[in-house]
Amino acid sequence: MQLQFIGVDPDSDIDESPTAWVDLESADIVIQSYTADDVTRAQCAQHNAPGHAEHIPDHESVIRVPARLVPILREACDAAERAKL
């Protein structure tokens, strides 16, 4: 796996750093961010996609991405598209 660093939340402290990368081999976007609390996880499970079980699989996580990271995610999406070319 070869990760390309895209960006970090510009307003985060040194110990808190929501970050985005792109895996250049698979074009997956990799995100480090805040772990969602139990209330958020429960809401996500209750409002899951139609036809899906009302739970979060053990191999998946719910994360909360700060709105400040949106421009960085847009850049990550562009990099992911370029990696797939």
N, C-alpha and C. Protein backbone atom coordinates (compact mmCIF):
# COMPACT_ATOMS: atom_id res chain seq x y z
N MET A 1 0.85 -1.17 0.00
CA MET A 1 0.00 0.00 0.00
C MET A 1 0.90 1.23 0.00
N GLN A 2 0.56 2.19 -0.84
CA GLN A 2 1.29 3.45 -0.88
C GLN A 2 0.30 4.57 -0.62
N LEU A 3 0.42 5.22 0.56
CA LEU A 3 -0.49 6.29 0.92
C LEU A 3 0.07 7.64 0.51
N GLN A 4 -0.80 8.45 -0.07
CA GLN A 4 -0.46 9.84 -0.38
C GLN A 4 -1.15 10.72 0.64
N PHE A 5 -0.38 11.46 1.44
CA PHE A 5 -0.95 12.40 2.39
C PHE A 5 -1.67 13.50 1.62
N ILE A 6 -2.91 13.79 2.02
CA ILE A 6 -3.68 14.84 1.37
C ILE A 6 -3.74 16.08 2.25
N GLY A 7 -4.12 15.89 3.51
CA GLY A 7 -4.21 17.06 4.38
C GLY A 7 -4.71 16.72 5.75
N VAL A 8 -4.58 17.69 6.63
CA VAL A 8 -4.98 17.55 8.02
C VAL A 8 -5.89 18.73 8.37
N ASP A 9 -6.82 18.52 9.29
CA ASP A 9 -7.70 19.58 9.76
C ASP A 9 -6.84 20.77 10.18
N PRO A 10 -6.97 21.89 9.51
CA PRO A 10 -6.09 23.02 9.79
C PRO A 10 -6.28 23.64 11.17
N ASP A 11 -7.40 23.37 11.80
CA ASP A 11 -7.67 23.95 13.12
C ASP A 11 -7.48 22.96 14.26
N SER A 12 -6.92 21.80 13.96
CA SER A 12 -6.77 20.78 15.01
C SER A 12 -5.51 21.03 15.82
N ASP A 13 -5.57 20.58 17.07
CA ASP A 13 -4.40 20.64 17.94
C ASP A 13 -3.41 19.56 17.52
N ILE A 14 -2.21 19.63 18.04
CA ILE A 14 -1.17 18.67 17.71
C ILE A 14 -1.57 17.24 18.11
N ASP A 15 -2.38 17.11 19.17
CA ASP A 15 -2.82 15.78 19.61
C ASP A 15 -4.13 15.33 18.98
N GLU A 16 -4.76 16.18 18.20
CA GLU A 16 -6.00 15.85 17.50
C GLU A 16 -5.80 16.22 16.04
N SER A 17 -5.83 15.23 15.20
CA SER A 17 -5.47 15.55 13.82
C SER A 17 -6.27 14.76 12.80
N PRO A 18 -7.57 15.10 12.61
CA PRO A 18 -8.29 14.46 11.52
C PRO A 18 -7.51 14.64 10.21
N THR A 19 -7.25 13.54 9.54
CA THR A 19 -6.33 13.53 8.40
C THR A 19 -6.92 12.69 7.28
N ALA A 20 -6.56 13.03 6.05
CA ALA A 20 -7.00 12.25 4.88
C ALA A 20 -5.79 11.86 4.04
N TRP A 21 -5.82 10.62 3.57
CA TRP A 21 -4.82 10.08 2.65
C TRP A 21 -5.56 9.39 1.51
N VAL A 22 -4.85 9.10 0.44
CA VAL A 22 -5.37 8.27 -0.64
C VAL A 22 -4.41 7.11 -0.83
N ASP A 23 -4.96 5.89 -0.89
CA ASP A 23 -4.18 4.70 -1.22
C ASP A 23 -4.01 4.71 -2.73
N LEU A 24 -2.80 4.92 -3.20
CA LEU A 24 -2.56 5.07 -4.63
C LEU A 24 -2.72 3.77 -5.40
N GLU A 25 -2.74 2.63 -4.72
CA GLU A 25 -2.93 1.36 -5.42
C GLU A 25 -4.41 1.04 -5.62
N SER A 26 -5.24 1.31 -4.60
CA SER A 26 -6.66 0.97 -4.69
C SER A 26 -7.55 2.18 -4.95
N ALA A 27 -7.00 3.39 -4.78
CA ALA A 27 -7.72 4.67 -4.87
C ALA A 27 -8.71 4.84 -3.73
N ASP A 28 -8.57 4.04 -2.67
CA ASP A 28 -9.41 4.22 -1.48
C ASP A 28 -8.98 5.48 -0.74
N ILE A 29 -9.94 6.17 -0.14
CA ILE A 29 -9.64 7.30 0.72
C ILE A 29 -9.55 6.76 2.14
N VAL A 30 -8.48 7.09 2.83
CA VAL A 30 -8.24 6.64 4.19
C VAL A 30 -8.36 7.86 5.10
N ILE A 31 -9.17 7.74 6.16
CA ILE A 31 -9.44 8.87 7.03
C ILE A 31 -9.15 8.53 8.48
N GLN A 32 -8.45 9.42 9.13
CA GLN A 32 -8.29 9.37 10.59
C GLN A 32 -9.14 10.51 11.13
N SER A 33 -10.02 10.20 12.07
CA SER A 33 -10.84 11.25 12.64
C SER A 33 -11.36 10.81 13.99
N TYR A 34 -12.30 11.55 14.51
CA TYR A 34 -12.84 11.28 15.84
C TYR A 34 -13.75 10.05 15.82
N THR A 35 -13.60 9.19 16.80
CA THR A 35 -14.49 8.04 16.94
C THR A 35 -15.86 8.55 17.39
N ALA A 36 -16.89 8.10 16.71
CA ALA A 36 -18.24 8.53 17.06
C ALA A 36 -18.62 7.99 18.43
N ASP A 37 -19.39 8.78 19.17
CA ASP A 37 -19.84 8.34 20.49
C ASP A 37 -20.97 7.32 20.35
N ASP A 38 -21.35 6.73 21.47
CA ASP A 38 -22.38 5.67 21.45
C ASP A 38 -23.71 6.16 20.92
N VAL A 39 -24.08 7.40 21.23
CA VAL A 39 -25.36 7.95 20.75
C VAL A 39 -25.34 8.05 19.22
N THR A 40 -24.24 8.55 18.67
CA THR A 40 -24.12 8.67 17.22
C THR A 40 -24.13 7.30 16.56
N ARG A 41 -23.40 6.35 17.14
CA ARG A 41 -23.37 4.99 16.59
C ARG A 41 -24.77 4.38 16.58
N ALA A 42 -25.52 4.57 17.67
CA ALA A 42 -26.88 4.03 17.75
C ALA A 42 -27.77 4.66 16.68
N GLN A 43 -27.64 5.97 16.49
CA GLN A 43 -28.44 6.65 15.47
C GLN A 43 -28.09 6.14 14.07
N CYS A 44 -26.81 5.93 13.82
CA CYS A 44 -26.39 5.40 12.52
C CYS A 44 -26.97 4.01 12.28
N ALA A 45 -26.93 3.16 13.30
CA ALA A 45 -27.47 1.80 13.18
C ALA A 45 -28.97 1.84 12.93
N GLN A 46 -29.68 2.73 13.62
CA GLN A 46 -31.14 2.82 13.46
C GLN A 46 -31.53 3.38 12.11
N HIS A 47 -30.70 4.21 11.53
CA HIS A 47 -31.01 4.84 10.25
C HIS A 47 -30.10 4.31 9.15
N ASN A 48 -29.89 3.01 9.18
CA ASN A 48 -29.02 2.36 8.21
C ASN A 48 -29.67 2.35 6.84
N ALA A 49 -28.93 1.98 5.84
CA ALA A 49 -29.43 1.92 4.47
C ALA A 49 -30.60 0.93 4.38
N PRO A 50 -31.60 1.25 3.58
CA PRO A 50 -32.74 0.34 3.41
C PRO A 50 -32.27 -1.06 3.02
N GLY A 51 -32.84 -2.06 3.67
CA GLY A 51 -32.50 -3.44 3.37
C GLY A 51 -31.29 -3.95 4.12
N HIS A 52 -30.64 -3.11 4.89
CA HIS A 52 -29.46 -3.52 5.66
C HIS A 52 -29.84 -3.73 7.11
N ALA A 53 -29.11 -4.59 7.77
CA ALA A 53 -29.36 -4.86 9.19
C ALA A 53 -29.12 -3.60 10.01
N GLU A 54 -29.86 -3.49 11.11
CA GLU A 54 -29.72 -2.33 12.00
C GLU A 54 -28.60 -2.55 13.00
N HIS A 55 -27.39 -2.64 12.49
CA HIS A 55 -26.22 -2.74 13.35
C HIS A 55 -25.00 -2.29 12.56
N ILE A 56 -23.93 -2.08 13.25
CA ILE A 56 -22.66 -1.73 12.61
C ILE A 56 -21.77 -2.96 12.71
N PRO A 57 -21.38 -3.53 11.59
CA PRO A 57 -20.54 -4.74 11.62
C PRO A 57 -19.25 -4.51 12.41
N ASP A 58 -18.75 -5.56 13.02
CA ASP A 58 -17.54 -5.46 13.83
C ASP A 58 -16.34 -4.95 13.04
N HIS A 59 -16.32 -5.20 11.74
CA HIS A 59 -15.17 -4.78 10.94
C HIS A 59 -15.33 -3.35 10.38
N GLU A 60 -16.38 -2.64 10.80
CA GLU A 60 -16.61 -1.27 10.34
C GLU A 60 -16.65 -0.33 11.54
N SER A 61 -16.41 0.95 11.27
CA SER A 61 -16.43 1.98 12.31
C SER A 61 -17.28 3.15 11.87
N VAL A 62 -17.78 3.88 12.82
CA VAL A 62 -18.43 5.15 12.55
C VAL A 62 -17.48 6.23 13.05
N ILE A 63 -17.13 7.12 12.17
CA ILE A 63 -16.25 8.22 12.56
C ILE A 63 -16.96 9.54 12.29
N ARG A 64 -16.55 10.54 13.00
CA ARG A 64 -17.12 11.88 12.80
C ARG A 64 -16.02 12.73 12.16
N VAL A 65 -16.33 13.27 10.99
CA VAL A 65 -15.38 14.09 10.25
C VAL A 65 -15.79 15.56 10.42
N PRO A 66 -14.90 16.39 10.95
CA PRO A 66 -15.26 17.79 11.12
C PRO A 66 -15.48 18.48 9.78
N ALA A 67 -16.43 19.39 9.73
CA ALA A 67 -16.74 20.11 8.49
C ALA A 67 -15.51 20.82 7.93
N ARG A 68 -14.58 21.19 8.80
CA ARG A 68 -13.36 21.86 8.34
C ARG A 68 -12.54 20.97 7.42
N LEU A 69 -12.77 19.65 7.47
CA LEU A 69 -12.01 18.71 6.65
C LEU A 69 -12.62 18.53 5.25
N VAL A 70 -13.78 19.11 5.00
CA VAL A 70 -14.46 18.92 3.72
C VAL A 70 -13.59 19.33 2.53
N PRO A 71 -12.93 20.49 2.55
CA PRO A 71 -12.08 20.82 1.39
C PRO A 71 -10.96 19.80 1.18
N ILE A 72 -10.44 19.26 2.26
CA ILE A 72 -9.39 18.26 2.16
C ILE A 72 -9.96 16.97 1.58
N LEU A 73 -11.18 16.61 1.96
CA LEU A 73 -11.81 15.42 1.40
C LEU A 73 -12.09 15.59 -0.09
N ARG A 74 -12.45 16.80 -0.49
CA ARG A 74 -12.63 17.04 -1.93
C ARG A 74 -11.31 16.81 -2.67
N GLU A 75 -10.23 17.29 -2.09
CA GLU A 75 -8.92 17.07 -2.69
C GLU A 75 -8.58 15.57 -2.72
N ALA A 76 -8.94 14.86 -1.65
CA ALA A 76 -8.71 13.41 -1.60
C ALA A 76 -9.51 12.70 -2.68
N CYS A 77 -10.75 13.13 -2.90
CA CYS A 77 -11.57 12.52 -3.95
C CYS A 77 -10.92 12.73 -5.33
N ASP A 78 -10.42 13.93 -5.56
CA ASP A 78 -9.74 14.20 -6.83
C ASP A 78 -8.50 13.32 -6.98
N ALA A 79 -7.73 13.17 -5.90
CA ALA A 79 -6.53 12.33 -5.96
C ALA A 79 -6.90 10.87 -6.19
N ALA A 80 -8.00 10.43 -5.58
CA ALA A 80 -8.45 9.05 -5.77
C ALA A 80 -8.84 8.81 -7.22
N GLU A 81 -9.53 9.77 -7.81
CA GLU A 81 -9.89 9.62 -9.22
C GLU A 81 -8.64 9.58 -10.10
N ARG A 82 -7.67 10.40 -9.81
CA ARG A 82 -6.44 10.39 -10.60
C ARG A 82 -5.70 9.06 -10.44
N ALA A 83 -5.72 8.49 -9.23
CA ALA A 83 -5.03 7.21 -8.98
C ALA A 83 -5.65 6.08 -9.77
N LYS A 84 -6.93 6.16 -10.08
CA LYS A 84 -7.63 5.12 -10.83
C LYS A 84 -7.38 5.21 -12.34
N LEU A 85 -6.81 6.30 -12.81
CA LEU A 85 -6.60 6.46 -14.25
C LEU A 85 -5.54 5.53 -14.79
